Amino acid sequence: MKYIIRKAEPKDAFGIYTAHMKSIQEVCSRDHSSEEVDAWVLVEK
């Protein structure tokens, strides 16, 4: 598989936001309480 690394563009914003929120909600929830995750997500909105 070949990967191309480039600078993000405005059209990438929604995908980046979605990936960031999913990582907080799914990955971070393994190490943080639901209250911490909820607070982090609320700050990010």
N, C-alpha and C. Protein backbone atom coordinates (compact mmCIF):
# COMPACT_ATOMS: atom_id res chain seq x y z
N MET A 1 0.85 -1.17 0.00
CA MET A 1 0.00 0.00 0.00
C MET A 1 0.90 1.24 0.00
N LYS A 2 0.53 2.21 -0.80
CA LYS A 2 1.31 3.44 -0.90
C LYS A 2 0.55 4.58 -0.23
N TYR A 3 1.24 5.34 0.61
CA TYR A 3 0.64 6.48 1.28
C TYR A 3 1.26 7.77 0.76
N ILE A 4 0.43 8.78 0.68
CA ILE A 4 0.91 10.11 0.31
C ILE A 4 0.62 11.04 1.48
N ILE A 5 1.65 11.70 1.97
CA ILE A 5 1.50 12.64 3.08
C ILE A 5 1.48 14.05 2.50
N ARG A 6 0.46 14.82 2.88
CA ARG A 6 0.33 16.18 2.38
C ARG A 6 -0.25 17.05 3.49
N LYS A 7 -0.16 18.34 3.29
CA LYS A 7 -0.76 19.28 4.24
C LYS A 7 -2.28 19.17 4.13
N ALA A 8 -2.93 19.35 5.26
CA ALA A 8 -4.39 19.34 5.25
C ALA A 8 -4.90 20.58 4.52
N GLU A 9 -6.06 20.41 3.91
CA GLU A 9 -6.72 21.49 3.20
C GLU A 9 -8.07 21.74 3.87
N PRO A 10 -8.66 22.90 3.64
CA PRO A 10 -9.97 23.18 4.25
C PRO A 10 -11.01 22.08 4.00
N LYS A 11 -10.97 21.47 2.85
CA LYS A 11 -11.95 20.42 2.54
C LYS A 11 -11.76 19.18 3.42
N ASP A 12 -10.62 19.07 4.10
CA ASP A 12 -10.34 17.93 4.98
C ASP A 12 -10.88 18.13 6.40
N ALA A 13 -11.35 19.33 6.71
CA ALA A 13 -11.70 19.69 8.09
C ALA A 13 -12.72 18.73 8.73
N PHE A 14 -13.78 18.41 8.03
CA PHE A 14 -14.80 17.55 8.63
C PHE A 14 -14.25 16.16 8.92
N GLY A 15 -13.48 15.59 8.02
CA GLY A 15 -12.89 14.27 8.24
C GLY A 15 -11.91 14.26 9.41
N ILE A 16 -11.12 15.32 9.52
CA ILE A 16 -10.18 15.43 10.64
C ILE A 16 -10.94 15.55 11.95
N TYR A 17 -11.95 16.41 11.96
CA TYR A 17 -12.78 16.59 13.15
C TYR A 17 -13.43 15.26 13.56
N THR A 18 -14.00 14.56 12.60
CA THR A 18 -14.68 13.29 12.88
C THR A 18 -13.70 12.27 13.45
N ALA A 19 -12.53 12.15 12.86
CA ALA A 19 -11.52 11.21 13.35
C ALA A 19 -11.08 11.57 14.76
N HIS A 20 -10.91 12.85 15.01
CA HIS A 20 -10.49 13.31 16.34
C HIS A 20 -11.55 12.98 17.39
N MET A 21 -12.80 13.28 17.09
CA MET A 21 -13.88 13.01 18.04
C MET A 21 -14.05 11.51 18.29
N LYS A 22 -13.95 10.70 17.23
CA LYS A 22 -14.08 9.25 17.41
C LYS A 22 -12.93 8.71 18.26
N SER A 23 -11.73 9.25 18.06
CA SER A 23 -10.60 8.77 18.86
C SER A 23 -10.79 9.11 20.33
N ILE A 24 -11.33 10.30 20.61
CA ILE A 24 -11.60 10.67 22.00
C ILE A 24 -12.66 9.74 22.58
N GLN A 25 -13.74 9.54 21.86
CA GLN A 25 -14.86 8.76 22.38
C GLN A 25 -14.57 7.27 22.45
N GLU A 26 -13.79 6.73 21.52
CA GLU A 26 -13.58 5.28 21.46
C GLU A 26 -12.26 4.85 22.08
N VAL A 27 -11.19 5.52 21.78
CA VAL A 27 -9.88 5.10 22.27
C VAL A 27 -9.62 5.62 23.68
N CYS A 28 -9.87 6.91 23.89
CA CYS A 28 -9.59 7.51 25.21
C CYS A 28 -10.50 6.96 26.29
N SER A 29 -11.66 6.45 25.90
CA SER A 29 -12.59 5.92 26.89
C SER A 29 -12.03 4.69 27.60
N ARG A 30 -10.99 4.11 27.05
CA ARG A 30 -10.35 2.96 27.70
C ARG A 30 -9.54 3.39 28.93
N ASP A 31 -9.09 4.64 28.92
CA ASP A 31 -8.20 5.11 29.98
C ASP A 31 -8.78 6.24 30.81
N HIS A 32 -9.94 6.76 30.42
CA HIS A 32 -10.52 7.91 31.12
C HIS A 32 -11.98 7.62 31.44
N SER A 33 -12.48 8.27 32.48
CA SER A 33 -13.88 8.08 32.87
C SER A 33 -14.80 8.69 31.82
N SER A 34 -16.06 8.29 31.84
CA SER A 34 -17.02 8.84 30.90
C SER A 34 -17.20 10.34 31.13
N GLU A 35 -17.08 10.78 32.38
CA GLU A 35 -17.18 12.21 32.67
C GLU A 35 -16.04 12.99 32.01
N GLU A 36 -14.83 12.43 32.07
CA GLU A 36 -13.68 13.08 31.44
C GLU A 36 -13.84 13.14 29.92
N VAL A 37 -14.25 12.04 29.35
CA VAL A 37 -14.44 11.99 27.89
C VAL A 37 -15.53 12.97 27.46
N ASP A 38 -16.65 12.98 28.19
CA ASP A 38 -17.74 13.90 27.85
C ASP A 38 -17.29 15.36 27.94
N ALA A 39 -16.52 15.69 28.97
CA ALA A 39 -16.03 17.06 29.12
C ALA A 39 -15.09 17.42 27.98
N TRP A 40 -14.25 16.48 27.58
CA TRP A 40 -13.30 16.74 26.50
C TRP A 40 -14.04 16.98 25.18
N VAL A 41 -15.04 16.17 24.92
CA VAL A 41 -15.81 16.29 23.69
C VAL A 41 -16.58 17.62 23.70
N LEU A 42 -17.15 17.99 24.84
CA LEU A 42 -17.89 19.26 24.91
C LEU A 42 -16.97 20.46 24.65
N VAL A 43 -15.75 20.41 25.14
CA VAL A 43 -14.80 21.49 24.93
C VAL A 43 -14.46 21.60 23.46
N GLU A 44 -14.39 20.48 22.78
CA GLU A 44 -13.99 20.45 21.38
C GLU A 44 -15.09 20.93 20.44
N LYS A 45 -16.33 20.97 20.86
CA LYS A 45 -17.43 21.34 19.96
C LYS A 45 -17.47 22.79 19.64
